[in-house]
N, C-alpha and C. Protein backbone atom coordinates (compact mmCIF):
# COMPACT_ATOMS: atom_id res chain seq x y z
N MET A 1 9.22 46.78 -49.55
CA MET A 1 8.53 46.34 -48.50
C MET A 1 8.14 44.77 -48.95
N ASP A 2 8.29 43.76 -48.43
CA ASP A 2 7.74 42.66 -48.85
C ASP A 2 6.15 42.50 -48.94
N ARG A 3 5.66 41.79 -50.30
CA ARG A 3 4.45 41.65 -50.38
C ARG A 3 4.07 40.22 -50.55
N THR A 4 3.19 39.56 -49.65
CA THR A 4 2.76 38.15 -49.68
C THR A 4 1.41 37.63 -49.90
N ILE A 5 1.15 36.98 -51.20
CA ILE A 5 -0.34 36.85 -51.31
C ILE A 5 -0.54 35.55 -50.12
N ILE A 6 -1.77 35.61 -49.61
CA ILE A 6 -1.73 34.52 -48.01
C ILE A 6 -3.04 33.68 -48.88
N LYS A 7 -2.88 32.44 -48.87
CA LYS A 7 -4.03 31.47 -49.57
C LYS A 7 -3.96 30.36 -48.41
N THR A 8 -5.13 30.25 -47.91
CA THR A 8 -5.42 28.50 -47.01
C THR A 8 -6.73 27.97 -47.61
N ASP A 9 -6.41 26.69 -47.46
CA ASP A 9 -7.60 25.87 -47.51
C ASP A 9 -8.43 25.45 -46.45
N ALA A 10 -8.12 26.35 -45.27
CA ALA A 10 -8.74 26.27 -43.90
C ALA A 10 -10.10 27.64 -43.96
N ALA A 11 -10.15 27.97 -44.91
CA ALA A 11 -11.25 29.12 -45.25
C ALA A 11 -11.83 29.16 -46.68
N ALA A 12 -12.71 29.77 -46.95
CA ALA A 12 -13.42 29.35 -48.16
C ALA A 12 -12.57 30.54 -49.40
N PRO A 13 -12.30 29.72 -50.49
CA PRO A 13 -11.20 30.23 -51.17
C PRO A 13 -12.20 31.58 -51.96
N ALA A 14 -10.84 32.57 -52.44
CA ALA A 14 -11.63 33.53 -53.13
C ALA A 14 -12.35 33.63 -54.20
N ALA A 15 -13.43 34.30 -54.34
CA ALA A 15 -14.54 33.71 -55.17
C ALA A 15 -14.41 34.82 -56.46
N GLY A 16 -13.53 35.27 -56.51
CA GLY A 16 -13.09 36.44 -57.90
C GLY A 16 -11.62 36.25 -57.64
N PRO A 17 -11.24 37.58 -58.69
CA PRO A 17 -9.71 37.92 -58.87
C PRO A 17 -9.07 38.73 -57.58
N TYR A 18 -8.93 38.14 -56.56
CA TYR A 18 -8.64 38.65 -55.41
C TYR A 18 -8.17 37.78 -54.57
N ALA A 19 -7.14 38.10 -53.43
CA ALA A 19 -6.37 37.01 -52.53
C ALA A 19 -7.23 37.45 -51.14
N GLN A 20 -7.07 36.00 -50.68
CA GLN A 20 -7.91 35.98 -49.49
C GLN A 20 -7.37 36.71 -48.49
N ALA A 21 -5.87 37.10 -48.39
CA ALA A 21 -5.22 38.06 -47.74
C ALA A 21 -4.03 38.48 -48.32
N VAL A 22 -3.61 39.55 -47.89
CA VAL A 22 -2.03 40.04 -48.31
C VAL A 22 -1.40 40.32 -47.00
N ARG A 23 -0.12 40.12 -47.12
CA ARG A 23 0.86 40.32 -46.29
C ARG A 23 1.62 41.30 -46.66
N ALA A 24 1.78 42.59 -45.92
CA ALA A 24 2.57 43.83 -46.38
C ALA A 24 3.35 43.98 -45.16
N GLY A 25 4.94 43.43 -45.39
CA GLY A 25 5.89 43.76 -44.12
C GLY A 25 4.99 43.07 -43.02
N ASP A 26 4.52 43.70 -41.58
CA ASP A 26 4.12 43.03 -40.78
C ASP A 26 2.58 43.41 -40.62
N LEU A 27 1.79 43.52 -41.42
CA LEU A 27 0.65 44.02 -41.80
C LEU A 27 -0.04 43.18 -42.83
N VAL A 28 -1.25 42.16 -42.04
CA VAL A 28 -2.11 41.06 -42.81
C VAL A 28 -3.55 42.17 -43.18
N PHE A 29 -3.70 42.18 -44.53
CA PHE A 29 -4.90 42.59 -44.91
C PHE A 29 -5.98 41.63 -45.71
N ALA A 30 -6.92 41.16 -44.72
CA ALA A 30 -7.84 40.30 -44.88
C ALA A 30 -9.11 40.67 -45.79
N SER A 31 -9.29 40.05 -47.02
CA SER A 31 -10.20 40.41 -47.58
C SER A 31 -11.39 39.96 -46.75
N GLY A 32 -12.61 40.35 -47.17
CA GLY A 32 -13.88 40.23 -46.63
C GLY A 32 -14.23 38.62 -46.60
N GLN A 33 -14.64 38.25 -45.38
CA GLN A 33 -14.77 36.59 -45.46
C GLN A 33 -16.23 36.61 -45.32
N LEU A 34 -16.83 35.70 -46.21
CA LEU A 34 -18.28 35.36 -45.99
C LEU A 34 -18.50 34.14 -45.25
N PRO A 35 -19.72 33.95 -44.61
CA PRO A 35 -19.86 32.71 -43.78
C PRO A 35 -20.26 31.51 -44.21
N ILE A 36 -19.16 31.09 -45.26
CA ILE A 36 -19.25 29.86 -45.98
C ILE A 36 -18.76 28.69 -44.88
N ASP A 37 -19.63 27.68 -44.86
CA ASP A 37 -19.14 26.42 -44.21
C ASP A 37 -18.38 25.49 -45.31
N LEU A 38 -17.15 25.31 -44.80
CA LEU A 38 -16.19 24.54 -45.70
C LEU A 38 -16.83 23.23 -46.05
N SER A 39 -17.49 22.53 -45.06
CA SER A 39 -17.89 21.27 -45.30
C SER A 39 -19.23 21.04 -45.91
N THR A 40 -20.08 21.77 -46.01
CA THR A 40 -21.21 22.25 -47.12
C THR A 40 -21.22 23.11 -48.11
N GLY A 41 -20.57 24.19 -48.22
CA GLY A 41 -20.43 25.37 -49.11
C GLY A 41 -21.37 26.21 -49.06
N ASP A 42 -22.30 25.79 -48.09
CA ASP A 42 -23.67 26.68 -47.87
C ASP A 42 -23.32 27.98 -46.43
N PHE A 43 -24.15 28.50 -46.34
CA PHE A 43 -24.04 29.74 -45.08
C PHE A 43 -25.06 28.80 -44.18
N PRO A 44 -24.59 29.03 -43.01
CA PRO A 44 -25.47 28.36 -42.02
C PRO A 44 -26.59 29.30 -41.70
N GLU A 45 -27.86 29.15 -41.20
CA GLU A 45 -28.77 30.08 -40.96
C GLU A 45 -28.67 31.06 -40.08
N GLY A 46 -29.09 32.39 -39.94
CA GLY A 46 -29.33 33.42 -39.15
C GLY A 46 -28.11 34.27 -39.05
N VAL A 47 -28.06 35.31 -38.46
CA VAL A 47 -27.04 36.33 -38.38
C VAL A 47 -25.98 35.98 -37.54
N GLU A 48 -26.56 35.33 -36.53
CA GLU A 48 -25.51 34.76 -35.40
C GLU A 48 -24.43 34.23 -35.90
N ALA A 49 -24.90 32.73 -36.37
CA ALA A 49 -24.39 31.79 -36.92
C ALA A 49 -23.48 32.31 -38.23
N GLN A 50 -23.76 32.79 -38.90
CA GLN A 50 -23.04 33.51 -40.03
C GLN A 50 -22.08 34.44 -39.52
N THR A 51 -22.10 35.23 -38.57
CA THR A 51 -20.91 36.10 -37.64
C THR A 51 -19.81 35.06 -37.40
N ARG A 52 -20.24 33.81 -36.55
CA ARG A 52 -19.53 33.14 -36.20
C ARG A 52 -18.72 32.47 -37.30
N ARG A 53 -19.26 32.00 -38.43
CA ARG A 53 -18.88 31.39 -39.69
C ARG A 53 -17.90 32.38 -40.28
N SER A 54 -18.09 33.97 -40.52
CA SER A 54 -17.37 34.46 -40.89
C SER A 54 -16.07 34.90 -39.88
N LEU A 55 -16.17 34.71 -38.88
CA LEU A 55 -15.11 35.23 -38.11
C LEU A 55 -14.45 33.88 -37.93
N ALA A 56 -14.37 32.89 -38.06
CA ALA A 56 -13.99 31.27 -38.19
C ALA A 56 -12.94 31.58 -39.47
N ASN A 57 -13.38 31.84 -40.49
CA ASN A 57 -13.05 31.74 -41.91
C ASN A 57 -11.80 33.19 -41.70
N LEU A 58 -12.43 34.33 -41.04
CA LEU A 58 -11.09 35.18 -40.75
C LEU A 58 -10.14 34.82 -40.13
N SER A 59 -10.30 34.24 -39.05
CA SER A 59 -9.43 33.79 -38.15
C SER A 59 -8.61 32.80 -38.79
N ALA A 60 -8.97 32.05 -39.97
CA ALA A 60 -8.01 31.00 -40.32
C ALA A 60 -7.22 31.77 -41.60
N VAL A 61 -7.65 32.77 -42.20
CA VAL A 61 -6.99 33.47 -43.05
C VAL A 61 -5.73 34.22 -42.42
N LEU A 62 -6.24 34.89 -41.29
CA LEU A 62 -5.14 35.41 -40.89
C LEU A 62 -3.90 34.40 -40.12
N GLU A 63 -4.11 33.47 -39.67
CA GLU A 63 -3.23 32.53 -39.14
C GLU A 63 -2.27 32.05 -40.20
N ALA A 64 -3.14 32.03 -41.34
CA ALA A 64 -2.13 31.69 -42.61
C ALA A 64 -1.19 32.75 -42.75
N GLY A 65 -1.43 33.95 -42.69
CA GLY A 65 -0.57 35.20 -43.00
C GLY A 65 0.09 35.73 -41.78
N GLY A 66 0.19 34.65 -40.57
CA GLY A 66 0.94 34.89 -39.52
C GLY A 66 0.65 35.87 -38.38
N ALA A 67 -0.91 36.01 -38.48
CA ALA A 67 -1.82 36.97 -37.50
C ALA A 67 -2.70 36.12 -36.93
N SER A 68 -3.52 37.18 -35.99
CA SER A 68 -4.42 36.02 -35.31
C SER A 68 -5.65 37.02 -35.10
N LEU A 69 -6.84 37.02 -34.52
CA LEU A 69 -8.02 37.84 -34.25
C LEU A 69 -7.47 38.49 -33.06
N ALA A 70 -6.56 38.02 -32.39
CA ALA A 70 -5.85 39.00 -31.10
C ALA A 70 -5.00 40.16 -31.56
N SER A 71 -4.46 39.81 -32.73
CA SER A 71 -3.48 40.82 -33.29
C SER A 71 -4.28 41.84 -34.09
N VAL A 72 -5.78 41.69 -34.57
CA VAL A 72 -6.63 42.56 -35.33
C VAL A 72 -6.35 43.89 -34.87
N VAL A 73 -6.23 44.87 -35.57
CA VAL A 73 -6.21 46.41 -35.46
C VAL A 73 -7.45 47.11 -35.87
N LYS A 74 -8.08 46.63 -37.11
CA LYS A 74 -9.23 47.24 -37.46
C LYS A 74 -9.91 46.32 -38.12
N THR A 75 -11.38 46.11 -38.31
CA THR A 75 -12.35 45.32 -38.96
C THR A 75 -13.01 46.18 -39.47
N THR A 76 -13.96 45.58 -40.59
CA THR A 76 -15.33 46.30 -41.26
C THR A 76 -16.34 45.01 -41.54
N VAL A 77 -17.19 45.49 -40.63
CA VAL A 77 -18.23 44.35 -40.87
C VAL A 77 -19.47 44.95 -41.81
N PHE A 78 -19.81 44.09 -42.67
CA PHE A 78 -20.79 44.50 -43.78
C PHE A 78 -21.94 43.80 -43.19
N LEU A 79 -23.13 44.57 -43.11
CA LEU A 79 -24.39 43.61 -42.77
C LEU A 79 -25.51 44.14 -43.87
N LYS A 80 -26.19 43.16 -44.16
CA LYS A 80 -27.46 43.16 -44.86
C LYS A 80 -28.49 43.83 -44.56
N ASP A 81 -28.60 43.83 -43.03
CA ASP A 81 -29.95 44.32 -42.30
C ASP A 81 -29.12 45.17 -41.12
N MET A 82 -29.15 46.29 -40.99
CA MET A 82 -28.64 46.85 -39.78
C MET A 82 -29.51 46.74 -38.22
N ASN A 83 -30.59 46.15 -38.61
CA ASN A 83 -31.61 45.38 -37.42
C ASN A 83 -30.71 44.15 -36.59
N ASP A 84 -29.88 43.70 -37.63
CA ASP A 84 -29.07 42.72 -37.14
C ASP A 84 -28.08 43.05 -36.27
N PHE A 85 -27.66 44.30 -35.67
CA PHE A 85 -26.52 44.85 -35.24
C PHE A 85 -26.56 44.08 -34.18
N SER A 86 -27.36 44.33 -33.15
CA SER A 86 -27.19 43.63 -31.80
C SER A 86 -26.70 42.19 -32.04
N ALA A 87 -27.53 41.29 -32.49
CA ALA A 87 -26.98 40.07 -32.63
C ALA A 87 -25.76 39.35 -33.30
N MET A 88 -25.51 40.59 -34.30
CA MET A 88 -24.01 40.45 -34.94
C MET A 88 -23.00 40.96 -33.79
N ASN A 89 -23.43 41.78 -33.15
CA ASN A 89 -22.54 42.61 -32.19
C ASN A 89 -22.44 41.55 -30.97
N ALA A 90 -23.08 40.99 -30.44
CA ALA A 90 -23.00 39.58 -29.47
C ALA A 90 -22.11 38.94 -29.62
N VAL A 91 -22.13 38.08 -30.83
CA VAL A 91 -21.13 37.64 -31.35
C VAL A 91 -19.84 37.85 -31.52
N TYR A 92 -19.42 39.20 -32.29
CA TYR A 92 -18.58 39.65 -32.56
C TYR A 92 -17.45 39.74 -31.04
N ALA A 93 -18.40 40.35 -30.21
CA ALA A 93 -17.62 40.46 -28.80
C ALA A 93 -17.27 39.34 -28.11
N GLU A 94 -17.72 38.13 -28.37
CA GLU A 94 -17.37 36.94 -27.80
C GLU A 94 -15.89 36.67 -28.61
N HIS A 95 -15.34 37.03 -29.79
CA HIS A 95 -14.25 36.68 -30.53
C HIS A 95 -13.36 37.97 -30.36
N PHE A 96 -13.76 38.93 -29.80
CA PHE A 96 -12.60 40.02 -29.41
C PHE A 96 -12.99 40.55 -27.87
N PRO A 97 -12.65 39.58 -26.97
CA PRO A 97 -12.80 40.38 -25.36
C PRO A 97 -11.28 41.15 -25.02
N GLY A 98 -12.01 41.87 -24.22
CA GLY A 98 -10.88 42.63 -23.90
C GLY A 98 -10.53 43.80 -24.51
N ALA A 99 -9.60 44.55 -25.10
CA ALA A 99 -9.38 45.50 -25.98
C ALA A 99 -9.66 44.95 -27.50
N ALA A 100 -10.90 45.66 -28.00
CA ALA A 100 -11.57 45.16 -29.23
C ALA A 100 -10.64 46.13 -30.21
N PRO A 101 -10.77 45.40 -31.49
CA PRO A 101 -10.03 46.56 -32.19
C PRO A 101 -11.05 47.65 -32.87
N ALA A 102 -10.49 48.71 -33.79
CA ALA A 102 -11.08 49.57 -34.06
C ALA A 102 -12.37 48.87 -35.29
N ARG A 103 -13.26 49.59 -35.52
CA ARG A 103 -14.22 48.90 -36.41
C ARG A 103 -15.55 49.95 -36.93
N SER A 104 -15.51 49.55 -38.39
CA SER A 104 -16.83 50.10 -38.90
C SER A 104 -17.92 49.04 -39.15
N THR A 105 -19.13 49.42 -39.29
CA THR A 105 -20.01 48.44 -39.47
C THR A 105 -20.86 49.33 -40.32
N ILE A 106 -21.39 48.50 -41.42
CA ILE A 106 -21.87 49.34 -42.55
C ILE A 106 -22.94 48.51 -43.26
N GLU A 107 -24.33 48.97 -43.33
CA GLU A 107 -25.49 48.12 -43.72
C GLU A 107 -25.12 48.47 -45.62
N VAL A 108 -25.45 47.24 -46.21
CA VAL A 108 -25.08 47.13 -47.46
C VAL A 108 -26.41 46.70 -48.28
N ALA A 109 -26.66 47.04 -49.43
CA ALA A 109 -27.94 46.55 -50.01
C ALA A 109 -27.76 44.96 -50.18
N ARG A 110 -26.64 44.50 -50.47
CA ARG A 110 -26.51 42.99 -50.92
C ARG A 110 -25.18 42.71 -50.79
N LEU A 111 -25.06 41.54 -50.15
CA LEU A 111 -23.64 40.89 -50.04
C LEU A 111 -23.56 39.60 -51.18
N PRO A 112 -22.23 39.13 -51.42
CA PRO A 112 -22.15 38.14 -52.19
C PRO A 112 -22.90 37.02 -51.76
N LYS A 113 -23.45 36.19 -52.87
CA LYS A 113 -24.36 35.13 -52.63
C LYS A 113 -25.69 34.98 -51.67
N ASP A 114 -25.75 36.50 -51.40
CA ASP A 114 -27.04 36.94 -50.36
C ASP A 114 -26.87 36.67 -49.04
N ALA A 115 -25.35 36.62 -48.43
CA ALA A 115 -25.02 36.81 -47.10
C ALA A 115 -25.73 37.74 -46.26
N LEU A 116 -25.51 37.37 -45.15
CA LEU A 116 -26.31 38.45 -44.01
C LEU A 116 -25.24 39.39 -43.57
N VAL A 117 -23.92 38.67 -43.61
CA VAL A 117 -22.71 39.47 -42.90
C VAL A 117 -21.18 38.89 -43.62
N GLU A 118 -20.44 40.10 -43.97
CA GLU A 118 -19.02 39.69 -44.43
C GLU A 118 -18.30 40.55 -43.53
N ILE A 119 -17.21 39.86 -42.95
CA ILE A 119 -16.06 40.86 -42.46
C ILE A 119 -14.77 40.89 -42.70
N GLU A 120 -14.01 41.81 -42.93
CA GLU A 120 -12.86 42.12 -43.32
C GLU A 120 -11.84 42.71 -42.20
N ALA A 121 -10.69 42.74 -42.20
CA ALA A 121 -9.56 43.15 -41.17
C ALA A 121 -8.45 43.28 -41.68
N VAL A 122 -7.59 44.17 -40.93
CA VAL A 122 -6.18 44.59 -40.66
C VAL A 122 -5.77 43.91 -39.43
N ALA A 123 -4.44 43.27 -39.54
CA ALA A 123 -3.91 42.61 -38.57
C ALA A 123 -2.44 42.97 -38.60
N ILE A 124 -1.86 42.70 -37.36
CA ILE A 124 -0.32 42.91 -36.97
C ILE A 124 0.09 41.35 -36.90
N ALA A 125 1.06 40.93 -37.94
CA ALA A 125 1.58 39.77 -38.12
C ALA A 125 2.66 39.71 -36.88
N THR A 126 2.30 38.26 -36.11
CA THR A 126 3.22 38.36 -34.81
C THR A 126 3.96 36.93 -35.14
N GLY A 127 3.83 36.09 -36.37
CA GLY A 127 4.51 35.03 -36.80
C GLY A 127 4.75 34.78 -38.22
N PRO A 128 5.40 33.87 -38.92
CA PRO A 128 5.60 33.61 -40.24
C PRO A 128 4.51 33.22 -40.85
N VAL A 129 4.44 33.39 -42.36
CA VAL A 129 3.51 33.17 -43.09
C VAL A 129 3.26 31.62 -43.05
N ALA A 130 2.04 30.97 -42.82
CA ALA A 130 2.20 29.46 -42.79
C ALA A 130 2.48 28.97 -44.28
N SER A 131 3.19 27.73 -44.44
CA SER A 131 3.66 26.94 -45.44
C SER A 131 2.72 26.15 -46.00
């Protein structure tokens, strides 16, 4: 099985010894995406804006791997505070209209750089890896 490391400048770079994503055959495994705004290097304020930014970064990584949000089969959402579930869920639903993927949502004690949300995904590749 082919294994390809996915890297794109359209999303925040990996902050450690891991890939933004790995494509194995027709599956793309995207690492957790923090809500880093590429233009500022900072997080936007609030869980809604951070969810939008995390999903935008996730989308960019998936596209670099030949997938998209539409081809996601499973996500994991890490929340700093489960009290933010409804707000995160409303934004999440905007990005996955119709048949949403399987999902786990987990409250965690702390996320890197004190983010409020981080989102990872597994998707089916529908195109080639971006050059």
